[in-house]
Amino acid sequence: MYLLAEFLPVGYFDFFGRLYLMGILLVLALAIAITALIQFLRARTTVDPLHPDKASSLVTRGVYSISRNPQYLALLMVLLAWGLWLGNAFNVLLAAGFVSLMNRFQISREEASLQEKFGNEYRQYCIKVRRWF
């Protein structure tokens, strides 16, 4: 994102409240990430995204009742905030690329593992709660 903002001669933007919006995104991202982490710790289940098969329980309350992936949502919000800081509109494309890569290479593997481990309970959760928000 930095290189794109630094070397792409077009795409710069600025608007009133840009830095306020950036701050709001960062505060929300931090609150979501911390809340999600606390919920996993309280449920005594793994927070390791590389080993979802080690999950001991399915967390579906709190921020997990709004998003199945609040940690990744928080990361996306941080990327969007950084894009606002850099002020280049094309950074939105990189944030969209992050979503696409996470869906394809990380989240789909986590979902398959959780589906295998929790079966119908996880299927019902997926019907009620969207992947991102």
N, C-alpha and C. Protein backbone atom coordinates (compact mmCIF):
# COMPACT_ATOMS: atom_id res chain seq x y z
N MET A 1 0.83 -1.18 0.00
CA MET A 1 0.00 0.00 0.00
C MET A 1 0.87 1.25 0.00
N TYR A 2 1.95 1.20 0.77
CA TYR A 2 2.84 2.35 0.82
C TYR A 2 3.47 2.60 -0.55
N LEU A 3 3.96 1.54 -1.18
CA LEU A 3 4.61 1.69 -2.48
C LEU A 3 3.62 2.21 -3.52
N LEU A 4 2.40 1.72 -3.49
CA LEU A 4 1.39 2.19 -4.41
C LEU A 4 1.12 3.67 -4.20
N ALA A 5 0.96 4.07 -2.96
CA ALA A 5 0.68 5.48 -2.66
C ALA A 5 1.89 6.36 -3.01
N GLU A 6 3.07 5.83 -2.82
CA GLU A 6 4.29 6.61 -3.03
C GLU A 6 4.61 6.81 -4.51
N PHE A 7 4.41 5.75 -5.31
CA PHE A 7 4.91 5.80 -6.69
C PHE A 7 3.83 5.91 -7.77
N LEU A 8 2.56 5.72 -7.42
CA LEU A 8 1.51 5.87 -8.41
C LEU A 8 1.16 7.36 -8.49
N PRO A 9 1.30 7.96 -9.66
CA PRO A 9 1.13 9.41 -9.76
C PRO A 9 -0.33 9.88 -9.70
N VAL A 10 -1.27 8.96 -9.71
CA VAL A 10 -2.69 9.33 -9.65
C VAL A 10 -3.34 8.62 -8.47
N GLY A 11 -4.52 9.09 -8.12
CA GLY A 11 -5.28 8.40 -7.08
C GLY A 11 -5.28 9.08 -5.73
N TYR A 12 -4.50 10.17 -5.59
CA TYR A 12 -4.46 10.84 -4.30
C TYR A 12 -5.81 11.47 -4.00
N PHE A 13 -6.23 11.38 -2.75
CA PHE A 13 -7.47 12.02 -2.33
C PHE A 13 -7.30 12.58 -0.92
N ASP A 14 -8.15 13.51 -0.62
CA ASP A 14 -8.24 14.08 0.72
C ASP A 14 -9.65 14.60 0.89
N PHE A 15 -10.16 14.52 2.09
CA PHE A 15 -11.48 15.07 2.37
C PHE A 15 -11.55 15.40 3.85
N PHE A 16 -12.47 16.28 4.17
CA PHE A 16 -12.66 16.67 5.56
C PHE A 16 -13.09 15.44 6.36
N GLY A 17 -12.41 15.21 7.45
CA GLY A 17 -12.76 14.08 8.32
C GLY A 17 -12.02 12.80 8.00
N ARG A 18 -11.14 12.83 7.01
CA ARG A 18 -10.40 11.62 6.61
C ARG A 18 -9.66 11.03 7.79
N LEU A 19 -8.96 11.85 8.56
CA LEU A 19 -8.19 11.35 9.69
C LEU A 19 -9.09 10.90 10.84
N TYR A 20 -10.26 11.54 10.97
CA TYR A 20 -11.23 11.09 11.98
C TYR A 20 -11.76 9.70 11.62
N LEU A 21 -12.07 9.52 10.34
CA LEU A 21 -12.55 8.22 9.88
C LEU A 21 -11.49 7.14 10.10
N MET A 22 -10.24 7.50 9.82
CA MET A 22 -9.13 6.58 10.05
C MET A 22 -9.07 6.19 11.53
N GLY A 23 -9.19 7.17 12.41
CA GLY A 23 -9.15 6.90 13.84
C GLY A 23 -10.30 6.01 14.29
N ILE A 24 -11.49 6.28 13.76
CA ILE A 24 -12.66 5.46 14.10
C ILE A 24 -12.44 4.01 13.66
N LEU A 25 -11.93 3.83 12.44
CA LEU A 25 -11.65 2.47 11.96
C LEU A 25 -10.65 1.75 12.85
N LEU A 26 -9.60 2.46 13.26
CA LEU A 26 -8.58 1.83 14.11
C LEU A 26 -9.12 1.46 15.49
N VAL A 27 -9.92 2.35 16.07
CA VAL A 27 -10.50 2.06 17.39
C VAL A 27 -11.46 0.87 17.30
N LEU A 28 -12.31 0.86 16.27
CA LEU A 28 -13.23 -0.26 16.09
C LEU A 28 -12.48 -1.56 15.84
N ALA A 29 -11.44 -1.50 15.02
CA ALA A 29 -10.64 -2.70 14.74
C ALA A 29 -10.02 -3.25 16.03
N LEU A 30 -9.47 -2.37 16.83
CA LEU A 30 -8.86 -2.79 18.09
C LEU A 30 -9.91 -3.40 19.02
N ALA A 31 -11.05 -2.76 19.13
CA ALA A 31 -12.12 -3.27 20.00
C ALA A 31 -12.61 -4.64 19.52
N ILE A 32 -12.80 -4.80 18.23
CA ILE A 32 -13.26 -6.08 17.67
C ILE A 32 -12.21 -7.16 17.91
N ALA A 33 -10.95 -6.87 17.61
CA ALA A 33 -9.89 -7.86 17.77
C ALA A 33 -9.73 -8.30 19.22
N ILE A 34 -9.73 -7.36 20.14
CA ILE A 34 -9.57 -7.70 21.55
C ILE A 34 -10.77 -8.49 22.06
N THR A 35 -11.96 -8.06 21.68
CA THR A 35 -13.17 -8.78 22.10
C THR A 35 -13.17 -10.21 21.57
N ALA A 36 -12.80 -10.39 20.31
CA ALA A 36 -12.75 -11.73 19.71
C ALA A 36 -11.73 -12.60 20.44
N LEU A 37 -10.57 -12.04 20.72
CA LEU A 37 -9.53 -12.79 21.43
C LEU A 37 -10.00 -13.21 22.82
N ILE A 38 -10.61 -12.29 23.54
CA ILE A 38 -11.12 -12.59 24.88
C ILE A 38 -12.18 -13.69 24.81
N GLN A 39 -13.05 -13.64 23.82
CA GLN A 39 -14.07 -14.67 23.69
C GLN A 39 -13.46 -16.04 23.45
N PHE A 40 -12.43 -16.12 22.63
CA PHE A 40 -11.74 -17.39 22.40
C PHE A 40 -11.06 -17.88 23.67
N LEU A 41 -10.42 -16.97 24.39
CA LEU A 41 -9.74 -17.37 25.61
C LEU A 41 -10.73 -17.86 26.66
N ARG A 42 -11.86 -17.19 26.79
CA ARG A 42 -12.89 -17.62 27.74
C ARG A 42 -13.46 -18.99 27.38
N ALA A 43 -13.58 -19.26 26.09
CA ALA A 43 -14.09 -20.55 25.64
C ALA A 43 -13.01 -21.64 25.69
N ARG A 44 -11.80 -21.23 26.03
CA ARG A 44 -10.65 -22.15 26.11
C ARG A 44 -10.46 -22.93 24.81
N THR A 45 -10.49 -22.19 23.73
CA THR A 45 -10.28 -22.79 22.42
C THR A 45 -9.09 -22.10 21.75
N THR A 46 -8.59 -22.70 20.71
CA THR A 46 -7.38 -22.19 20.07
C THR A 46 -7.61 -20.86 19.35
N VAL A 47 -6.62 -20.01 19.37
CA VAL A 47 -6.64 -18.77 18.60
C VAL A 47 -5.70 -18.88 17.40
N ASP A 48 -5.14 -20.05 17.20
CA ASP A 48 -4.18 -20.28 16.13
C ASP A 48 -4.91 -20.51 14.81
N PRO A 49 -4.84 -19.57 13.87
CA PRO A 49 -5.57 -19.73 12.61
C PRO A 49 -4.99 -20.81 11.71
N LEU A 50 -3.79 -21.28 12.00
CA LEU A 50 -3.18 -22.32 11.18
C LEU A 50 -3.62 -23.72 11.59
N HIS A 51 -4.24 -23.82 12.77
CA HIS A 51 -4.68 -25.12 13.26
C HIS A 51 -6.11 -25.07 13.79
N PRO A 52 -7.09 -24.78 12.91
CA PRO A 52 -8.48 -24.73 13.37
C PRO A 52 -8.99 -26.09 13.84
N ASP A 53 -8.30 -27.15 13.44
CA ASP A 53 -8.69 -28.50 13.88
C ASP A 53 -8.51 -28.69 15.38
N LYS A 54 -7.76 -27.80 16.01
CA LYS A 54 -7.54 -27.88 17.46
C LYS A 54 -8.62 -27.14 18.26
N ALA A 55 -9.63 -26.61 17.55
CA ALA A 55 -10.71 -25.89 18.22
C ALA A 55 -11.45 -26.86 19.15
N SER A 56 -11.68 -26.41 20.38
CA SER A 56 -12.38 -27.25 21.34
C SER A 56 -13.84 -26.87 21.49
N SER A 57 -14.21 -25.68 21.03
CA SER A 57 -15.60 -25.26 21.08
C SER A 57 -15.87 -24.25 19.97
N LEU A 58 -17.14 -24.14 19.63
CA LEU A 58 -17.56 -23.21 18.59
C LEU A 58 -18.07 -21.94 19.26
N VAL A 59 -17.40 -20.83 19.01
CA VAL A 59 -17.78 -19.55 19.62
C VAL A 59 -18.74 -18.84 18.66
N THR A 60 -19.97 -18.58 19.15
CA THR A 60 -21.00 -17.99 18.28
C THR A 60 -21.66 -16.76 18.88
N ARG A 61 -21.23 -16.33 20.03
CA ARG A 61 -21.86 -15.17 20.70
C ARG A 61 -20.96 -13.94 20.58
N GLY A 62 -21.47 -12.82 21.08
CA GLY A 62 -20.68 -11.59 21.06
C GLY A 62 -20.39 -11.15 19.64
N VAL A 63 -19.14 -10.80 19.36
CA VAL A 63 -18.79 -10.35 18.01
C VAL A 63 -18.95 -11.46 16.99
N TYR A 64 -18.94 -12.72 17.45
CA TYR A 64 -19.12 -13.85 16.55
C TYR A 64 -20.58 -14.04 16.15
N SER A 65 -21.49 -13.27 16.72
CA SER A 65 -22.88 -13.30 16.28
C SER A 65 -23.10 -12.29 15.15
N ILE A 66 -22.08 -11.47 14.88
CA ILE A 66 -22.15 -10.47 13.81
C ILE A 66 -21.26 -10.86 12.63
N SER A 67 -20.13 -11.47 12.93
CA SER A 67 -19.16 -11.87 11.91
C SER A 67 -18.55 -13.20 12.28
N ARG A 68 -18.42 -14.10 11.31
CA ARG A 68 -17.75 -15.38 11.58
C ARG A 68 -16.24 -15.20 11.68
N ASN A 69 -15.74 -14.08 11.19
CA ASN A 69 -14.29 -13.84 11.15
C ASN A 69 -13.95 -12.44 11.65
N PRO A 70 -14.25 -12.12 12.89
CA PRO A 70 -14.01 -10.76 13.35
C PRO A 70 -12.53 -10.37 13.38
N GLN A 71 -11.62 -11.35 13.58
CA GLN A 71 -10.19 -10.99 13.57
C GLN A 71 -9.77 -10.51 12.19
N TYR A 72 -10.23 -11.20 11.15
CA TYR A 72 -9.89 -10.79 9.79
C TYR A 72 -10.60 -9.49 9.43
N LEU A 73 -11.80 -9.31 9.93
CA LEU A 73 -12.50 -8.04 9.73
C LEU A 73 -11.71 -6.89 10.36
N ALA A 74 -11.17 -7.13 11.54
CA ALA A 74 -10.35 -6.11 12.21
C ALA A 74 -9.11 -5.80 11.37
N LEU A 75 -8.47 -6.82 10.82
CA LEU A 75 -7.30 -6.60 9.96
C LEU A 75 -7.68 -5.78 8.72
N LEU A 76 -8.83 -6.09 8.14
CA LEU A 76 -9.30 -5.32 6.98
C LEU A 76 -9.51 -3.86 7.36
N MET A 77 -10.08 -3.62 8.52
CA MET A 77 -10.31 -2.24 8.97
C MET A 77 -8.98 -1.50 9.17
N VAL A 78 -7.97 -2.19 9.66
CA VAL A 78 -6.64 -1.59 9.81
C VAL A 78 -6.08 -1.24 8.43
N LEU A 79 -6.23 -2.14 7.47
CA LEU A 79 -5.76 -1.85 6.10
C LEU A 79 -6.48 -0.65 5.50
N LEU A 80 -7.79 -0.59 5.71
CA LEU A 80 -8.54 0.56 5.20
C LEU A 80 -8.11 1.85 5.88
N ALA A 81 -7.85 1.79 7.18
CA ALA A 81 -7.37 2.97 7.91
C ALA A 81 -6.01 3.41 7.36
N TRP A 82 -5.14 2.45 7.11
CA TRP A 82 -3.83 2.79 6.56
C TRP A 82 -3.97 3.39 5.16
N GLY A 83 -4.90 2.84 4.38
CA GLY A 83 -5.18 3.41 3.06
C GLY A 83 -5.66 4.86 3.16
N LEU A 84 -6.48 5.14 4.18
CA LEU A 84 -6.91 6.53 4.40
C LEU A 84 -5.73 7.41 4.77
N TRP A 85 -4.85 6.91 5.61
CA TRP A 85 -3.66 7.67 6.01
C TRP A 85 -2.80 8.00 4.79
N LEU A 86 -2.62 7.00 3.92
CA LEU A 86 -1.79 7.19 2.74
C LEU A 86 -2.49 8.06 1.70
N GLY A 87 -3.81 8.06 1.70
CA GLY A 87 -4.56 8.94 0.81
C GLY A 87 -4.53 8.59 -0.66
N ASN A 88 -4.43 7.29 -0.99
CA ASN A 88 -4.46 6.88 -2.38
C ASN A 88 -5.65 5.94 -2.58
N ALA A 89 -6.55 6.33 -3.46
CA ALA A 89 -7.79 5.58 -3.67
C ALA A 89 -7.54 4.16 -4.17
N PHE A 90 -6.45 3.93 -4.85
CA PHE A 90 -6.17 2.60 -5.40
C PHE A 90 -5.83 1.58 -4.31
N ASN A 91 -5.56 2.05 -3.10
CA ASN A 91 -5.30 1.12 -2.00
C ASN A 91 -6.55 0.31 -1.64
N VAL A 92 -7.72 0.80 -2.02
CA VAL A 92 -8.95 0.03 -1.81
C VAL A 92 -8.87 -1.28 -2.59
N LEU A 93 -8.24 -1.25 -3.75
CA LEU A 93 -8.08 -2.48 -4.54
C LEU A 93 -7.21 -3.49 -3.81
N LEU A 94 -6.19 -3.00 -3.13
CA LEU A 94 -5.34 -3.91 -2.36
C LEU A 94 -6.09 -4.49 -1.17
N ALA A 95 -6.94 -3.69 -0.54
CA ALA A 95 -7.76 -4.19 0.56
C ALA A 95 -8.74 -5.25 0.04
N ALA A 96 -9.30 -5.03 -1.14
CA ALA A 96 -10.17 -6.03 -1.75
C ALA A 96 -9.39 -7.30 -2.07
N GLY A 97 -8.15 -7.14 -2.48
CA GLY A 97 -7.28 -8.30 -2.71
C GLY A 97 -7.03 -9.08 -1.44
N PHE A 98 -6.88 -8.38 -0.32
CA PHE A 98 -6.72 -9.04 0.98
C PHE A 98 -7.94 -9.90 1.28
N VAL A 99 -9.13 -9.36 1.07
CA VAL A 99 -10.37 -10.11 1.32
C VAL A 99 -10.40 -11.36 0.45
N SER A 100 -10.08 -11.20 -0.82
CA SER A 100 -10.10 -12.32 -1.75
C SER A 100 -9.10 -13.41 -1.34
N LEU A 101 -7.88 -13.00 -1.01
CA LEU A 101 -6.86 -13.97 -0.59
C LEU A 101 -7.25 -14.68 0.70
N MET A 102 -7.78 -13.94 1.66
CA MET A 102 -8.20 -14.55 2.93
C MET A 102 -9.33 -15.54 2.70
N ASN A 103 -10.30 -15.17 1.87
CA ASN A 103 -11.41 -16.08 1.58
C ASN A 103 -10.91 -17.38 0.95
N ARG A 104 -10.02 -17.23 0.01
CA ARG A 104 -9.58 -18.40 -0.77
C ARG A 104 -8.59 -19.28 -0.03
N PHE A 105 -7.60 -18.69 0.64
CA PHE A 105 -6.51 -19.49 1.17
C PHE A 105 -6.57 -19.74 2.68
N GLN A 106 -7.29 -18.93 3.42
CA GLN A 106 -7.33 -19.12 4.87
C GLN A 106 -8.73 -19.51 5.35
N ILE A 107 -9.69 -18.67 5.08
CA ILE A 107 -11.03 -18.88 5.63
C ILE A 107 -11.66 -20.17 5.11
N SER A 108 -11.52 -20.46 3.84
CA SER A 108 -12.12 -21.68 3.29
C SER A 108 -11.56 -22.92 3.98
N ARG A 109 -10.27 -22.92 4.29
CA ARG A 109 -9.67 -24.06 5.00
C ARG A 109 -10.18 -24.14 6.43
N GLU A 110 -10.29 -22.98 7.09
CA GLU A 110 -10.83 -22.97 8.45
C GLU A 110 -12.26 -23.48 8.47
N GLU A 111 -13.06 -23.02 7.51
CA GLU A 111 -14.46 -23.43 7.47
C GLU A 111 -14.60 -24.93 7.23
N ALA A 112 -13.78 -25.48 6.36
CA ALA A 112 -13.84 -26.93 6.11
C ALA A 112 -13.50 -27.70 7.38
N SER A 113 -12.50 -27.25 8.09
CA SER A 113 -12.10 -27.91 9.33
C SER A 113 -13.20 -27.82 10.39
N LEU A 114 -13.79 -26.63 10.53
CA LEU A 114 -14.85 -26.45 11.52
C LEU A 114 -16.11 -27.23 11.14
N GLN A 115 -16.39 -27.30 9.86
CA GLN A 115 -17.53 -28.09 9.37
C GLN A 115 -17.34 -29.57 9.74
N GLU A 116 -16.15 -30.05 9.53
CA GLU A 116 -15.86 -31.45 9.87
C GLU A 116 -15.96 -31.69 11.37
N LYS A 117 -15.47 -30.76 12.14
CA LYS A 117 -15.42 -30.93 13.59
C LYS A 117 -16.78 -30.72 14.27
N PHE A 118 -17.54 -29.70 13.83
CA PHE A 118 -18.77 -29.33 14.53
C PHE A 118 -20.05 -29.65 13.75
N GLY A 119 -19.92 -30.10 12.51
CA GLY A 119 -21.05 -30.58 11.73
C GLY A 119 -22.21 -29.62 11.60
N ASN A 120 -23.41 -30.10 11.94
CA ASN A 120 -24.64 -29.34 11.76
C ASN A 120 -24.66 -28.05 12.57
N GLU A 121 -24.06 -28.07 13.75
CA GLU A 121 -24.01 -26.85 14.57
C GLU A 121 -23.29 -25.74 13.81
N TYR A 122 -22.20 -26.08 13.15
CA TYR A 122 -21.46 -25.09 12.37
C TYR A 122 -22.24 -24.67 11.12
N ARG A 123 -22.92 -25.61 10.47
CA ARG A 123 -23.74 -25.29 9.29
C ARG A 123 -24.82 -24.28 9.65
N GLN A 124 -25.49 -24.50 10.77
CA GLN A 124 -26.54 -23.59 11.22
C GLN A 124 -25.96 -22.20 11.54
N TYR A 125 -24.81 -22.18 12.15
CA TYR A 125 -24.13 -20.92 12.45
C TYR A 125 -23.82 -20.16 11.16
N CYS A 126 -23.33 -20.86 10.15
CA CYS A 126 -23.01 -20.23 8.86
C CYS A 126 -24.25 -19.66 8.18
N ILE A 127 -25.38 -20.30 8.38
CA ILE A 127 -26.63 -19.78 7.80
C ILE A 127 -27.03 -18.48 8.48
N LYS A 128 -26.83 -18.39 9.79
CA LYS A 128 -27.26 -17.22 10.56
C LYS A 128 -26.29 -16.04 10.48
N VAL A 129 -24.99 -16.32 10.38
CA VAL A 129 -23.98 -15.26 10.47
C VAL A 129 -23.14 -15.23 9.19
N ARG A 130 -22.98 -14.03 8.65
CA ARG A 130 -22.18 -13.86 7.43
C ARG A 130 -20.69 -14.00 7.71
N ARG A 131 -19.94 -14.26 6.67
CA ARG A 131 -18.51 -14.51 6.79
C ARG A 131 -17.76 -13.28 7.31
N TRP A 132 -18.03 -12.11 6.76
CA TRP A 132 -17.29 -10.91 7.15
C TRP A 132 -18.13 -10.01 8.04
N PHE A 133 -19.28 -9.56 7.57
CA PHE A 133 -20.17 -8.71 8.39
C PHE A 133 -21.53 -8.64 7.74
